N, C-alpha and C. Protein backbone atom coordinates (compact mmCIF):
# COMPACT_ATOMS: atom_id res chain seq x y z
N MET A 1 2.44 186.35 105.68
CA MET A 1 1.19 186.93 106.15
C MET A 1 1.32 188.44 106.11
N SER A 2 0.52 189.08 105.30
CA SER A 2 0.59 190.53 105.18
C SER A 2 -0.38 191.23 106.14
N ASN A 3 -1.47 190.60 106.47
CA ASN A 3 -2.48 191.20 107.35
C ASN A 3 -2.40 190.53 108.73
N PRO A 4 -2.09 191.32 109.80
CA PRO A 4 -1.98 190.71 111.13
C PRO A 4 -3.25 190.02 111.61
N LYS A 5 -4.40 190.40 111.05
CA LYS A 5 -5.66 189.76 111.42
C LYS A 5 -5.74 188.33 110.88
N GLN A 6 -4.83 187.99 109.96
CA GLN A 6 -4.91 186.70 109.30
C GLN A 6 -3.79 185.75 109.70
N GLU A 7 -3.15 185.98 110.86
CA GLU A 7 -2.16 185.01 111.32
C GLU A 7 -2.88 183.69 111.58
N ARG A 8 -2.21 182.59 111.22
CA ARG A 8 -2.84 181.27 111.33
C ARG A 8 -1.98 180.32 112.16
N THR A 9 -2.67 179.41 112.83
CA THR A 9 -2.00 178.37 113.61
C THR A 9 -2.83 177.10 113.57
N VAL A 10 -2.21 176.01 113.95
CA VAL A 10 -2.90 174.72 113.97
C VAL A 10 -3.15 174.29 115.40
N VAL A 11 -4.33 173.77 115.64
CA VAL A 11 -4.69 173.19 116.93
C VAL A 11 -5.19 171.78 116.67
N LEU A 12 -4.73 170.83 117.48
CA LEU A 12 -5.25 169.46 117.42
C LEU A 12 -5.86 169.13 118.78
N VAL A 13 -7.09 168.66 118.77
CA VAL A 13 -7.64 168.04 119.96
C VAL A 13 -7.17 166.59 119.86
N LYS A 14 -6.31 166.20 120.79
CA LYS A 14 -5.67 164.89 120.74
C LYS A 14 -6.67 163.79 121.12
N PRO A 15 -6.28 162.52 120.90
CA PRO A 15 -7.22 161.44 121.20
C PRO A 15 -7.81 161.47 122.61
N ASP A 16 -7.03 161.89 123.61
CA ASP A 16 -7.60 161.95 124.97
C ASP A 16 -8.67 163.02 125.08
N GLY A 17 -8.48 164.16 124.41
CA GLY A 17 -9.48 165.22 124.42
C GLY A 17 -10.74 164.81 123.68
N VAL A 18 -10.58 164.11 122.56
CA VAL A 18 -11.74 163.63 121.80
C VAL A 18 -12.52 162.62 122.63
N LYS A 19 -11.80 161.64 123.20
CA LYS A 19 -12.47 160.58 123.96
C LYS A 19 -13.15 161.11 125.22
N ARG A 20 -12.65 162.23 125.74
CA ARG A 20 -13.25 162.81 126.94
C ARG A 20 -14.37 163.81 126.62
N GLY A 21 -14.68 164.00 125.35
CA GLY A 21 -15.78 164.89 124.97
C GLY A 21 -15.48 166.36 125.17
N LEU A 22 -14.23 166.77 124.92
CA LEU A 22 -13.82 168.16 125.16
C LEU A 22 -13.76 169.00 123.89
N ILE A 23 -14.16 168.46 122.75
CA ILE A 23 -14.07 169.19 121.49
C ILE A 23 -14.82 170.51 121.56
N GLY A 24 -16.07 170.47 121.96
CA GLY A 24 -16.90 171.67 122.03
C GLY A 24 -16.34 172.71 122.97
N GLU A 25 -15.86 172.28 124.14
CA GLU A 25 -15.28 173.20 125.11
C GLU A 25 -14.06 173.90 124.53
N ILE A 26 -13.23 173.15 123.83
CA ILE A 26 -12.01 173.73 123.26
C ILE A 26 -12.36 174.73 122.16
N VAL A 27 -13.27 174.36 121.26
CA VAL A 27 -13.69 175.28 120.20
C VAL A 27 -14.32 176.53 120.81
N SER A 28 -15.12 176.35 121.84
CA SER A 28 -15.76 177.48 122.50
C SER A 28 -14.74 178.46 123.07
N ARG A 29 -13.71 177.95 123.72
CA ARG A 29 -12.68 178.83 124.29
C ARG A 29 -11.95 179.60 123.20
N ILE A 30 -11.70 178.95 122.08
CA ILE A 30 -11.03 179.61 120.96
C ILE A 30 -11.90 180.74 120.43
N GLU A 31 -13.17 180.44 120.19
CA GLU A 31 -14.06 181.45 119.62
C GLU A 31 -14.35 182.58 120.60
N GLN A 32 -14.48 182.26 121.89
CA GLN A 32 -14.72 183.31 122.87
C GLN A 32 -13.56 184.30 122.95
N ARG A 33 -12.37 183.84 122.63
CA ARG A 33 -11.18 184.70 122.64
C ARG A 33 -11.19 185.67 121.46
N GLY A 34 -12.04 185.41 120.47
CA GLY A 34 -12.09 186.26 119.29
C GLY A 34 -11.32 185.70 118.12
N LEU A 35 -10.82 184.49 118.27
CA LEU A 35 -10.14 183.83 117.16
C LEU A 35 -11.16 183.09 116.30
N LYS A 36 -10.78 182.83 115.08
CA LYS A 36 -11.71 182.27 114.10
C LYS A 36 -11.24 180.89 113.65
N VAL A 37 -12.16 179.93 113.68
CA VAL A 37 -11.90 178.58 113.15
C VAL A 37 -12.14 178.64 111.65
N ILE A 38 -11.08 178.45 110.84
CA ILE A 38 -11.25 178.52 109.39
C ILE A 38 -11.12 177.16 108.71
N ALA A 39 -10.77 176.15 109.49
CA ALA A 39 -10.76 174.76 108.99
C ALA A 39 -10.93 173.85 110.20
N LEU A 40 -11.70 172.78 110.02
CA LEU A 40 -11.95 171.86 111.13
C LEU A 40 -12.35 170.51 110.56
N LYS A 41 -11.71 169.44 111.06
CA LYS A 41 -12.09 168.10 110.64
C LYS A 41 -11.61 167.07 111.65
N MET A 42 -12.29 165.93 111.67
CA MET A 42 -11.85 164.81 112.49
C MET A 42 -11.04 163.88 111.59
N VAL A 43 -9.89 163.44 112.10
CA VAL A 43 -8.96 162.64 111.31
C VAL A 43 -8.45 161.49 112.15
N GLN A 44 -8.35 160.32 111.53
CA GLN A 44 -7.62 159.21 112.15
C GLN A 44 -6.23 159.24 111.53
N ALA A 45 -5.26 159.73 112.28
CA ALA A 45 -3.90 159.88 111.75
C ALA A 45 -3.25 158.52 111.55
N ASP A 46 -2.61 158.34 110.40
CA ASP A 46 -1.82 157.14 110.21
C ASP A 46 -0.41 157.40 110.78
N GLU A 47 0.38 156.34 110.82
CA GLU A 47 1.70 156.45 111.45
C GLU A 47 2.59 157.49 110.77
N GLN A 48 2.54 157.55 109.43
CA GLN A 48 3.41 158.49 108.72
C GLN A 48 3.03 159.94 109.02
N ARG A 49 1.74 160.23 109.03
CA ARG A 49 1.31 161.60 109.33
C ARG A 49 1.70 161.97 110.76
N ALA A 50 1.52 161.05 111.68
CA ALA A 50 1.88 161.32 113.07
C ALA A 50 3.38 161.56 113.20
N LYS A 51 4.19 160.75 112.53
CA LYS A 51 5.65 160.96 112.55
C LYS A 51 6.02 162.31 111.96
N ASP A 52 5.36 162.67 110.84
CA ASP A 52 5.66 163.93 110.17
C ASP A 52 5.22 165.15 110.98
N HIS A 53 4.29 164.94 111.90
CA HIS A 53 3.83 166.05 112.74
C HIS A 53 4.94 166.54 113.67
N TYR A 54 5.76 165.63 114.15
CA TYR A 54 6.79 165.97 115.12
C TYR A 54 8.13 166.25 114.45
N PRO A 55 8.94 167.12 115.05
CA PRO A 55 10.27 167.42 114.49
C PRO A 55 11.14 166.16 114.41
N LYS A 56 12.06 166.18 113.47
CA LYS A 56 12.97 165.05 113.30
C LYS A 56 14.42 165.44 113.57
N ALA A 57 14.66 166.69 113.93
CA ALA A 57 16.03 167.17 114.14
C ALA A 57 16.64 166.52 115.38
N ASP A 58 17.91 166.17 115.28
CA ASP A 58 18.62 165.57 116.40
C ASP A 58 18.55 166.46 117.65
N GLU A 59 18.61 167.77 117.43
CA GLU A 59 18.55 168.71 118.57
C GLU A 59 17.25 168.56 119.35
N TRP A 60 16.15 168.30 118.62
CA TRP A 60 14.85 168.14 119.27
C TRP A 60 14.86 166.89 120.15
N PHE A 61 15.37 165.78 119.61
CA PHE A 61 15.42 164.54 120.38
C PHE A 61 16.29 164.71 121.63
N VAL A 62 17.42 165.36 121.47
CA VAL A 62 18.32 165.58 122.62
C VAL A 62 17.64 166.45 123.67
N ALA A 63 16.98 167.53 123.23
CA ALA A 63 16.30 168.43 124.18
C ALA A 63 15.19 167.70 124.94
N VAL A 64 14.40 166.91 124.23
CA VAL A 64 13.32 166.15 124.88
C VAL A 64 13.91 165.12 125.85
N GLY A 65 14.95 164.44 125.41
CA GLY A 65 15.61 163.46 126.28
C GLY A 65 16.21 164.10 127.51
N GLN A 66 16.80 165.28 127.34
CA GLN A 66 17.40 165.99 128.48
C GLN A 66 16.33 166.38 129.50
N LYS A 67 15.19 166.86 129.02
CA LYS A 67 14.08 167.21 129.93
C LYS A 67 13.62 165.98 130.70
N THR A 68 13.54 164.85 130.01
CA THR A 68 13.13 163.60 130.67
C THR A 68 14.15 163.20 131.72
N LEU A 69 15.43 163.32 131.41
CA LEU A 69 16.48 163.01 132.38
C LEU A 69 16.39 163.93 133.60
N GLU A 70 16.08 165.20 133.38
CA GLU A 70 15.92 166.14 134.50
C GLU A 70 14.76 165.71 135.39
N ASP A 71 13.65 165.27 134.77
CA ASP A 71 12.50 164.80 135.55
C ASP A 71 12.88 163.57 136.38
N PHE A 72 13.63 162.65 135.77
CA PHE A 72 14.09 161.46 136.49
C PHE A 72 14.96 161.86 137.68
N ALA A 73 15.88 162.80 137.47
CA ALA A 73 16.78 163.23 138.54
C ALA A 73 15.99 163.86 139.69
N LYS A 74 14.99 164.71 139.37
CA LYS A 74 14.17 165.34 140.41
C LYS A 74 13.42 164.32 141.24
N GLN A 75 13.02 163.23 140.60
CA GLN A 75 12.24 162.20 141.30
C GLN A 75 13.12 161.08 141.88
N GLY A 76 14.44 161.19 141.69
CA GLY A 76 15.34 160.16 142.21
C GLY A 76 15.20 158.83 141.50
N LYS A 77 14.82 158.85 140.24
CA LYS A 77 14.62 157.62 139.46
C LYS A 77 15.84 157.38 138.56
N ASP A 78 16.12 156.12 138.30
CA ASP A 78 17.25 155.72 137.47
C ASP A 78 16.78 155.49 136.04
N PRO A 79 17.17 156.36 135.07
CA PRO A 79 16.71 156.20 133.70
C PRO A 79 17.20 154.90 133.04
N VAL A 80 18.37 154.44 133.42
CA VAL A 80 18.89 153.20 132.84
C VAL A 80 18.01 152.03 133.27
N LYS A 81 17.64 152.02 134.54
CA LYS A 81 16.79 150.95 135.06
C LYS A 81 15.39 151.00 134.43
N GLU A 82 14.85 152.21 134.29
CA GLU A 82 13.46 152.37 133.82
C GLU A 82 13.34 152.37 132.30
N LEU A 83 14.32 152.98 131.61
CA LEU A 83 14.22 153.15 130.16
C LEU A 83 15.29 152.40 129.37
N GLY A 84 16.26 151.86 130.10
CA GLY A 84 17.32 151.12 129.43
C GLY A 84 18.48 151.96 128.93
N THR A 85 18.44 153.27 129.18
CA THR A 85 19.51 154.17 128.71
C THR A 85 19.46 155.48 129.48
N ASN A 86 20.59 156.19 129.44
CA ASN A 86 20.61 157.55 129.96
C ASN A 86 21.10 158.51 128.88
N ASP A 87 21.08 158.04 127.62
CA ASP A 87 21.47 158.87 126.48
C ASP A 87 20.30 159.78 126.10
N PRO A 88 20.48 161.11 126.15
CA PRO A 88 19.36 162.02 125.85
C PRO A 88 18.74 161.80 124.47
N SER A 89 19.56 161.56 123.45
CA SER A 89 19.02 161.35 122.11
C SER A 89 18.17 160.09 122.03
N ALA A 90 18.65 159.01 122.64
CA ALA A 90 17.89 157.75 122.63
C ALA A 90 16.58 157.91 123.39
N ILE A 91 16.62 158.61 124.51
CA ILE A 91 15.40 158.84 125.28
C ILE A 91 14.44 159.73 124.48
N GLY A 92 14.96 160.76 123.82
CA GLY A 92 14.13 161.62 122.98
C GLY A 92 13.44 160.85 121.88
N LYS A 93 14.14 159.87 121.31
CA LYS A 93 13.54 159.04 120.26
C LYS A 93 12.46 158.12 120.83
N LEU A 94 12.66 157.65 122.07
CA LEU A 94 11.59 156.88 122.73
C LEU A 94 10.34 157.74 122.90
N VAL A 95 10.54 158.96 123.39
CA VAL A 95 9.40 159.88 123.59
C VAL A 95 8.74 160.17 122.25
N GLY A 96 9.54 160.35 121.20
CA GLY A 96 8.98 160.57 119.87
C GLY A 96 8.10 159.42 119.42
N LYS A 97 8.52 158.19 119.70
CA LYS A 97 7.71 157.02 119.35
C LYS A 97 6.42 157.00 120.16
N TRP A 98 6.54 157.32 121.46
CA TRP A 98 5.34 157.36 122.29
C TRP A 98 4.36 158.41 121.77
N ASN A 99 4.88 159.58 121.34
CA ASN A 99 4.03 160.63 120.78
C ASN A 99 3.28 160.12 119.55
N THR A 100 4.02 159.45 118.66
CA THR A 100 3.42 158.92 117.44
C THR A 100 2.36 157.87 117.76
N ASP A 101 2.70 156.97 118.68
CA ASP A 101 1.74 155.93 119.08
C ASP A 101 0.46 156.55 119.62
N PHE A 102 0.60 157.60 120.42
CA PHE A 102 -0.58 158.23 121.01
C PHE A 102 -1.42 158.94 119.95
N LEU A 103 -0.76 159.68 119.06
CA LEU A 103 -1.49 160.45 118.06
C LEU A 103 -2.27 159.54 117.11
N THR A 104 -1.84 158.29 116.97
CA THR A 104 -2.55 157.34 116.11
C THR A 104 -3.52 156.45 116.89
N SER A 105 -3.64 156.65 118.20
CA SER A 105 -4.45 155.76 119.03
C SER A 105 -5.95 156.00 118.94
N GLY A 106 -6.34 157.08 118.29
CA GLY A 106 -7.75 157.42 118.14
C GLY A 106 -7.87 158.65 117.28
N PRO A 107 -9.10 159.04 116.96
CA PRO A 107 -9.25 160.23 116.11
C PRO A 107 -8.79 161.50 116.80
N VAL A 108 -8.33 162.45 116.00
CA VAL A 108 -8.00 163.79 116.48
C VAL A 108 -8.90 164.77 115.73
N VAL A 109 -9.13 165.92 116.32
CA VAL A 109 -9.82 167.00 115.63
C VAL A 109 -8.78 168.05 115.30
N ALA A 110 -8.58 168.26 114.00
CA ALA A 110 -7.58 169.22 113.52
C ALA A 110 -8.29 170.51 113.13
N MET A 111 -7.67 171.64 113.51
CA MET A 111 -8.25 172.94 113.21
C MET A 111 -7.17 173.90 112.76
N ILE A 112 -7.54 174.83 111.89
CA ILE A 112 -6.71 176.00 111.63
C ILE A 112 -7.44 177.17 112.25
N ILE A 113 -6.70 177.92 113.04
CA ILE A 113 -7.25 179.07 113.76
C ILE A 113 -6.61 180.33 113.18
N GLU A 114 -7.43 181.35 112.96
CA GLU A 114 -6.95 182.60 112.37
C GLU A 114 -7.30 183.78 113.27
N GLY A 115 -6.41 184.76 113.32
CA GLY A 115 -6.69 185.98 114.05
C GLY A 115 -5.40 186.68 114.46
N ILE A 116 -5.56 187.80 115.11
CA ILE A 116 -4.41 188.58 115.58
C ILE A 116 -3.64 187.75 116.61
N HIS A 117 -2.33 187.65 116.40
CA HIS A 117 -1.45 186.89 117.31
C HIS A 117 -1.98 185.47 117.55
N ALA A 118 -2.49 184.83 116.50
CA ALA A 118 -3.12 183.52 116.66
C ALA A 118 -2.20 182.49 117.31
N VAL A 119 -0.93 182.46 116.90
CA VAL A 119 0.00 181.48 117.46
C VAL A 119 0.16 181.73 118.96
N GLU A 120 0.49 182.94 119.31
CA GLU A 120 0.72 183.29 120.73
C GLU A 120 -0.55 183.13 121.57
N MET A 121 -1.68 183.56 121.03
CA MET A 121 -2.94 183.47 121.78
C MET A 121 -3.31 182.01 122.04
N MET A 122 -3.14 181.16 121.03
CA MET A 122 -3.48 179.74 121.23
C MET A 122 -2.55 179.11 122.26
N ARG A 123 -1.27 179.48 122.25
CA ARG A 123 -0.35 178.93 123.25
C ARG A 123 -0.80 179.34 124.66
N LYS A 124 -1.32 180.55 124.81
CA LYS A 124 -1.84 181.00 126.11
C LYS A 124 -3.10 180.23 126.49
N ILE A 125 -3.98 180.03 125.53
CA ILE A 125 -5.24 179.33 125.80
C ILE A 125 -4.99 177.88 126.21
N VAL A 126 -4.06 177.19 125.52
CA VAL A 126 -3.84 175.79 125.84
C VAL A 126 -2.99 175.60 127.09
N GLY A 127 -2.08 176.54 127.39
CA GLY A 127 -1.25 176.43 128.59
C GLY A 127 0.01 175.63 128.35
N HIS A 128 0.82 175.52 129.38
CA HIS A 128 2.10 174.84 129.32
C HIS A 128 1.93 173.41 128.83
N THR A 129 2.91 172.93 128.07
CA THR A 129 2.86 171.57 127.52
C THR A 129 2.67 170.51 128.61
N LEU A 130 3.32 170.72 129.74
CA LEU A 130 3.20 169.77 130.85
C LEU A 130 2.04 170.21 131.74
N PRO A 131 1.01 169.39 131.86
CA PRO A 131 -0.17 169.79 132.62
C PRO A 131 0.13 170.22 134.06
N ASN A 132 1.14 169.60 134.68
CA ASN A 132 1.45 169.99 136.06
C ASN A 132 2.04 171.39 136.14
N LYS A 133 2.43 171.97 135.01
CA LYS A 133 2.95 173.34 134.99
C LYS A 133 1.97 174.31 134.34
N ALA A 134 0.84 173.82 133.83
CA ALA A 134 -0.14 174.66 133.15
C ALA A 134 -1.00 175.39 134.18
N ASP A 135 -1.21 176.68 133.96
CA ASP A 135 -2.03 177.49 134.86
C ASP A 135 -3.49 177.08 134.78
N MET A 136 -4.17 177.17 135.93
CA MET A 136 -5.62 176.97 135.93
C MET A 136 -6.22 178.05 135.03
N GLY A 137 -7.28 177.70 134.33
CA GLY A 137 -7.88 178.61 133.37
C GLY A 137 -7.43 178.32 131.95
N THR A 138 -6.34 177.57 131.79
CA THR A 138 -5.94 177.11 130.46
C THR A 138 -6.56 175.74 130.22
N ILE A 139 -6.59 175.32 128.97
CA ILE A 139 -7.19 174.01 128.66
C ILE A 139 -6.45 172.90 129.38
N ARG A 140 -5.12 172.90 129.28
CA ARG A 140 -4.35 171.84 129.94
C ARG A 140 -4.42 171.96 131.46
N GLY A 141 -4.42 173.16 131.97
CA GLY A 141 -4.50 173.35 133.42
C GLY A 141 -5.83 172.92 134.00
N ASP A 142 -6.88 173.05 133.21
CA ASP A 142 -8.22 172.69 133.68
C ASP A 142 -8.59 171.23 133.43
N TYR A 143 -8.02 170.63 132.38
CA TYR A 143 -8.50 169.31 131.97
C TYR A 143 -7.46 168.20 131.96
N SER A 144 -6.26 168.46 132.42
CA SER A 144 -5.27 167.39 132.45
C SER A 144 -4.46 167.48 133.73
N VAL A 145 -4.17 166.31 134.30
CA VAL A 145 -3.36 166.26 135.53
C VAL A 145 -2.15 165.35 135.33
N ASP A 146 -1.87 164.98 134.10
CA ASP A 146 -0.80 164.02 133.83
C ASP A 146 0.56 164.60 134.19
N SER A 147 1.51 163.69 134.38
CA SER A 147 2.85 164.06 134.83
C SER A 147 3.89 163.47 133.89
N PRO A 148 4.95 164.22 133.57
CA PRO A 148 5.97 163.68 132.67
C PRO A 148 6.70 162.47 133.25
N ILE A 149 6.92 162.45 134.55
CA ILE A 149 7.63 161.30 135.14
C ILE A 149 6.73 160.06 135.11
N LEU A 150 5.45 160.23 135.42
CA LEU A 150 4.52 159.10 135.35
C LEU A 150 4.44 158.56 133.92
N ALA A 151 4.34 159.48 132.95
CA ALA A 151 4.28 159.07 131.55
C ALA A 151 5.54 158.28 131.16
N ALA A 152 6.71 158.78 131.55
CA ALA A 152 7.96 158.10 131.20
C ALA A 152 8.05 156.73 131.87
N LEU A 153 7.65 156.65 133.13
CA LEU A 153 7.69 155.37 133.83
C LEU A 153 6.73 154.35 133.21
N GLN A 154 5.61 154.87 132.66
CA GLN A 154 4.64 153.99 132.00
C GLN A 154 4.94 153.83 130.51
N LYS A 155 6.03 154.43 130.07
CA LYS A 155 6.48 154.34 128.67
C LYS A 155 5.39 154.79 127.70
N ARG A 156 4.94 156.02 127.90
CA ARG A 156 3.92 156.63 127.05
C ARG A 156 4.12 158.14 127.04
N THR A 157 3.42 158.81 126.17
CA THR A 157 3.49 160.26 126.11
C THR A 157 2.64 160.89 127.20
N VAL A 158 2.89 162.16 127.48
CA VAL A 158 2.07 162.92 128.42
C VAL A 158 0.73 163.19 127.74
N ARG A 159 -0.33 162.89 128.43
CA ARG A 159 -1.69 163.13 127.90
C ARG A 159 -2.10 164.55 128.29
N ASN A 160 -2.04 165.44 127.33
CA ASN A 160 -2.30 166.85 127.64
C ASN A 160 -3.41 167.47 126.80
N VAL A 161 -4.29 166.65 126.24
CA VAL A 161 -5.57 167.03 125.64
C VAL A 161 -5.45 167.71 124.28
N VAL A 162 -4.49 168.61 124.11
CA VAL A 162 -4.51 169.47 122.93
C VAL A 162 -3.08 169.83 122.50
N HIS A 163 -2.93 170.10 121.21
CA HIS A 163 -1.67 170.61 120.66
C HIS A 163 -1.94 171.95 120.01
N ALA A 164 -1.00 172.88 120.13
CA ALA A 164 -1.05 174.15 119.40
C ALA A 164 0.35 174.43 118.86
N SER A 165 0.42 174.85 117.63
CA SER A 165 1.71 175.13 116.99
C SER A 165 2.56 176.05 117.87
N GLY A 166 3.86 175.78 117.93
CA GLY A 166 4.76 176.54 118.77
C GLY A 166 5.20 177.88 118.19
N ASP A 167 5.21 177.99 116.88
CA ASP A 167 5.61 179.24 116.22
C ASP A 167 5.05 179.24 114.80
N ALA A 168 5.27 180.34 114.07
CA ALA A 168 4.70 180.48 112.73
C ALA A 168 5.25 179.44 111.76
N SER A 169 6.51 179.10 111.88
CA SER A 169 7.12 178.10 111.00
C SER A 169 6.49 176.73 111.23
N GLU A 170 6.32 176.37 112.49
CA GLU A 170 5.68 175.10 112.83
C GLU A 170 4.24 175.08 112.34
N ALA A 171 3.54 176.21 112.49
CA ALA A 171 2.15 176.30 112.04
C ALA A 171 2.05 176.08 110.53
N LYS A 172 2.97 176.68 109.77
CA LYS A 172 2.95 176.51 108.32
C LYS A 172 3.14 175.04 107.94
N HIS A 173 4.11 174.39 108.56
CA HIS A 173 4.36 172.96 108.31
C HIS A 173 3.10 172.13 108.64
N GLU A 174 2.50 172.40 109.78
CA GLU A 174 1.35 171.62 110.23
C GLU A 174 0.11 171.88 109.38
N MET A 175 -0.08 173.11 108.90
CA MET A 175 -1.21 173.38 108.01
C MET A 175 -1.11 172.54 106.74
N GLN A 176 0.10 172.47 106.18
CA GLN A 176 0.31 171.68 104.97
C GLN A 176 0.16 170.18 105.23
N LEU A 177 0.52 169.75 106.43
CA LEU A 177 0.42 168.33 106.79
C LEU A 177 -1.02 167.88 107.00
N TRP A 178 -1.81 168.71 107.64
CA TRP A 178 -3.15 168.29 108.06
C TRP A 178 -4.28 168.73 107.12
N PHE A 179 -4.03 169.75 106.26
CA PHE A 179 -5.12 170.31 105.45
C PHE A 179 -4.72 170.52 104.00
N THR A 180 -5.71 170.46 103.11
CA THR A 180 -5.54 170.90 101.73
C THR A 180 -6.10 172.32 101.65
N GLU A 181 -5.73 173.05 100.61
CA GLU A 181 -6.23 174.43 100.44
C GLU A 181 -7.75 174.47 100.40
N SER A 182 -8.37 173.47 99.78
CA SER A 182 -9.83 173.48 99.63
C SER A 182 -10.56 173.30 100.96
N GLU A 183 -9.85 172.88 102.00
CA GLU A 183 -10.47 172.69 103.31
C GLU A 183 -10.39 173.94 104.19
N ILE A 184 -9.73 174.97 103.70
CA ILE A 184 -9.55 176.22 104.46
C ILE A 184 -10.55 177.25 103.95
N HIS A 185 -11.27 177.86 104.86
CA HIS A 185 -12.36 178.76 104.48
C HIS A 185 -12.09 180.20 104.93
N ASP A 186 -12.67 181.13 104.18
CA ASP A 186 -12.53 182.55 104.49
C ASP A 186 -13.91 183.12 104.74
N TYR A 187 -14.09 183.75 105.88
CA TYR A 187 -15.36 184.39 106.20
C TYR A 187 -15.09 185.45 107.26
N LYS A 188 -16.04 186.30 107.50
CA LYS A 188 -15.89 187.37 108.48
C LYS A 188 -16.82 187.10 109.65
N ARG A 189 -16.24 187.09 110.85
CA ARG A 189 -17.07 186.96 112.04
C ARG A 189 -17.78 188.28 112.29
N ALA A 190 -18.97 188.21 112.86
CA ALA A 190 -19.81 189.38 113.04
C ALA A 190 -19.12 190.47 113.87
N GLU A 191 -18.33 190.07 114.87
CA GLU A 191 -17.77 191.07 115.77
C GLU A 191 -16.38 191.56 115.35
N GLU A 192 -15.86 191.12 114.21
CA GLU A 192 -14.52 191.51 113.80
C GLU A 192 -14.33 193.03 113.74
N ASP A 193 -15.29 193.75 113.21
CA ASP A 193 -15.17 195.21 113.11
C ASP A 193 -15.19 195.88 114.47
N ILE A 194 -15.79 195.23 115.45
CA ILE A 194 -15.89 195.81 116.80
C ILE A 194 -14.63 195.51 117.59
N MET A 195 -14.07 194.30 117.44
CA MET A 195 -12.95 193.86 118.28
C MET A 195 -11.61 194.41 117.83
N PHE A 196 -11.39 194.54 116.51
CA PHE A 196 -10.09 195.02 116.05
C PHE A 196 -10.21 195.67 114.68
């Protein structure tokens, strides 16, 4: 990216956000921030696309599993009793499967967002991944109350309404996964010359 005004990121309104009628609210918050929607479509993700959306590195599975184990410890729950294991990698793979199952459970709205600091700005707009840690005023803080321990005990992913790419590398991967070049549009918003 040579022009800072053209940083791009991917946002997905997940099946819970779609089913709850939050698409318009989410798009509105993005546009009100001064970011530009340059691609948008509703997609029913198949299992392979959903799997490809998430990292496959062993380190990712271990990190996710470790966070889940920490949540179990805080709540005084036994992961072996509830999940059948206390191995972080195995638990991370369970969470990965739950993520895939959820992403394929209904349509998602996929978007590419463009603008200055698009990745960082979208992360601020959506809030912390875990709704119980997301600040009020963020999408997850305002529209989700789910808990990681409840999700793990129910053997499902955390329902947090929306996904936003974590960094530029992740955004590049996700743009290629969810969109073709012909689906990405270039235009100038009326206030661009005023805002930056």
